[in-house]
Amino acid sequence: MKAASVFVLCLILGWHLSAGVSAFALNEDQKNRAQQLLTRSEEQNLSDHELAIQTAQEALALFQSINDQEGVANTYLDLGRYYYAGSEL
């Protein structure tokens, strides 16, 4: 009986751990995608401020969805620069 309980516990823990690993991989994929969008927005800002803002906002949404605070902060910083560059002050 004790062996069966340990076996069931191991199965449950294994399932939870593999789900956690999958979630981590998904978050890394989203983080990479968000970073690619942010990099693209930096390039776009050289010629099209509005497009850069749209692309950065997509990156922001992804960073927020995975609760990446550093990515969110960097994106807001870039958005501020894009808005400033577009205002021609």
Protein backbone atom coordinates (compact mmCIF):
# COMPACT_ATOMS: atom_id res chain seq x y z
CA MET A 1 0.00 0.00 0.00
CA LYS A 2 2.79 2.41 0.92
CA ALA A 3 4.61 1.67 -2.36
CA ALA A 4 1.44 2.41 -4.34
CA SER A 5 1.00 5.72 -2.52
CA VAL A 6 4.59 6.72 -3.25
CA PHE A 7 4.13 5.74 -6.90
CA VAL A 8 0.97 7.86 -7.24
CA LEU A 9 2.71 10.79 -5.54
CA CYS A 10 5.62 10.50 -7.97
CA LEU A 11 3.23 10.50 -10.93
CA ILE A 12 1.45 13.60 -9.67
CA LEU A 13 4.71 15.45 -8.97
CA GLY A 14 6.10 14.44 -12.35
CA TRP A 15 3.02 15.81 -14.07
CA HIS A 16 3.24 19.11 -12.18
CA LEU A 17 6.95 19.48 -12.84
CA SER A 18 6.58 18.83 -16.57
CA ALA A 19 3.76 21.38 -16.73
CA GLY A 20 6.02 23.90 -15.04
CA VAL A 21 8.81 23.24 -17.52
CA SER A 22 6.37 23.68 -20.42
CA ALA A 23 5.13 26.96 -18.96
CA PHE A 24 8.72 28.15 -18.56
CA ALA A 25 9.49 27.30 -22.20
CA LEU A 26 6.34 29.12 -23.32
CA ASN A 27 7.34 32.19 -21.29
CA GLU A 28 10.81 32.11 -22.82
CA ASP A 29 9.28 31.93 -26.31
CA GLN A 30 7.04 34.90 -25.54
CA LYS A 31 9.93 36.82 -24.02
CA ASN A 32 12.07 36.19 -27.10
CA ARG A 33 9.22 37.26 -29.40
CA ALA A 34 8.64 40.42 -27.35
CA GLN A 35 12.35 41.25 -27.46
CA GLN A 36 12.39 40.75 -31.24
CA LEU A 37 9.45 43.13 -31.58
CA LEU A 38 11.14 45.71 -29.39
CA THR A 39 14.33 45.49 -31.45
CA ARG A 40 12.30 45.86 -34.65
CA SER A 41 10.57 48.92 -33.21
CA GLU A 42 13.95 50.52 -32.53
CA GLU A 43 14.85 50.09 -36.20
CA GLN A 44 11.43 51.36 -37.33
CA ASN A 45 11.76 54.48 -35.21
CA LEU A 46 14.48 55.74 -37.55
CA SER A 47 11.94 56.25 -40.33
CA ASP A 48 8.37 55.68 -39.06
CA HIS A 49 7.59 56.71 -35.49
CA GLU A 50 3.95 55.59 -35.60
CA LEU A 51 4.87 52.09 -36.78
CA ALA A 52 7.58 51.90 -34.13
CA ILE A 53 5.01 52.80 -31.47
CA GLN A 54 2.59 50.12 -32.70
CA THR A 55 5.31 47.46 -32.73
CA ALA A 56 6.54 48.47 -29.25
CA GLN A 57 2.98 48.27 -27.94
CA GLU A 58 2.79 44.67 -29.20
CA ALA A 59 6.02 43.94 -27.35
CA LEU A 60 4.63 45.62 -24.24
CA ALA A 61 1.54 43.41 -24.29
CA LEU A 62 3.70 40.28 -24.49
CA PHE A 63 6.01 41.41 -21.70
CA GLN A 64 2.98 42.20 -19.53
CA SER A 65 1.37 38.82 -20.28
CA ILE A 66 4.39 37.00 -18.83
CA ASN A 67 4.90 39.55 -16.04
CA ASP A 68 8.39 40.48 -17.26
CA GLN A 69 8.92 43.71 -15.33
CA GLU A 70 12.28 44.50 -16.89
CA GLY A 71 10.84 44.06 -20.39
CA VAL A 72 7.86 46.26 -19.49
CA ALA A 73 10.17 48.99 -18.15
CA ASN A 74 12.44 48.88 -21.20
CA THR A 75 9.45 49.04 -23.52
CA TYR A 76 8.00 52.07 -21.73
CA LEU A 77 11.40 53.75 -21.99
CA ASP A 78 11.52 53.09 -25.73
CA LEU A 79 7.91 54.24 -26.18
CA GLY A 80 8.80 57.51 -24.47
CA ARG A 81 11.68 58.01 -26.90
CA TYR A 82 9.44 57.23 -29.88
CA TYR A 83 6.77 59.67 -28.78
CA TYR A 84 9.43 62.30 -28.19
CA ALA A 85 11.02 61.69 -31.60
CA GLY A 86 7.62 61.88 -33.28
CA SER A 87 6.74 65.19 -31.65
CA GLU A 88 9.63 67.02 -33.36
CA LEU A 89 10.20 69.24 -30.34
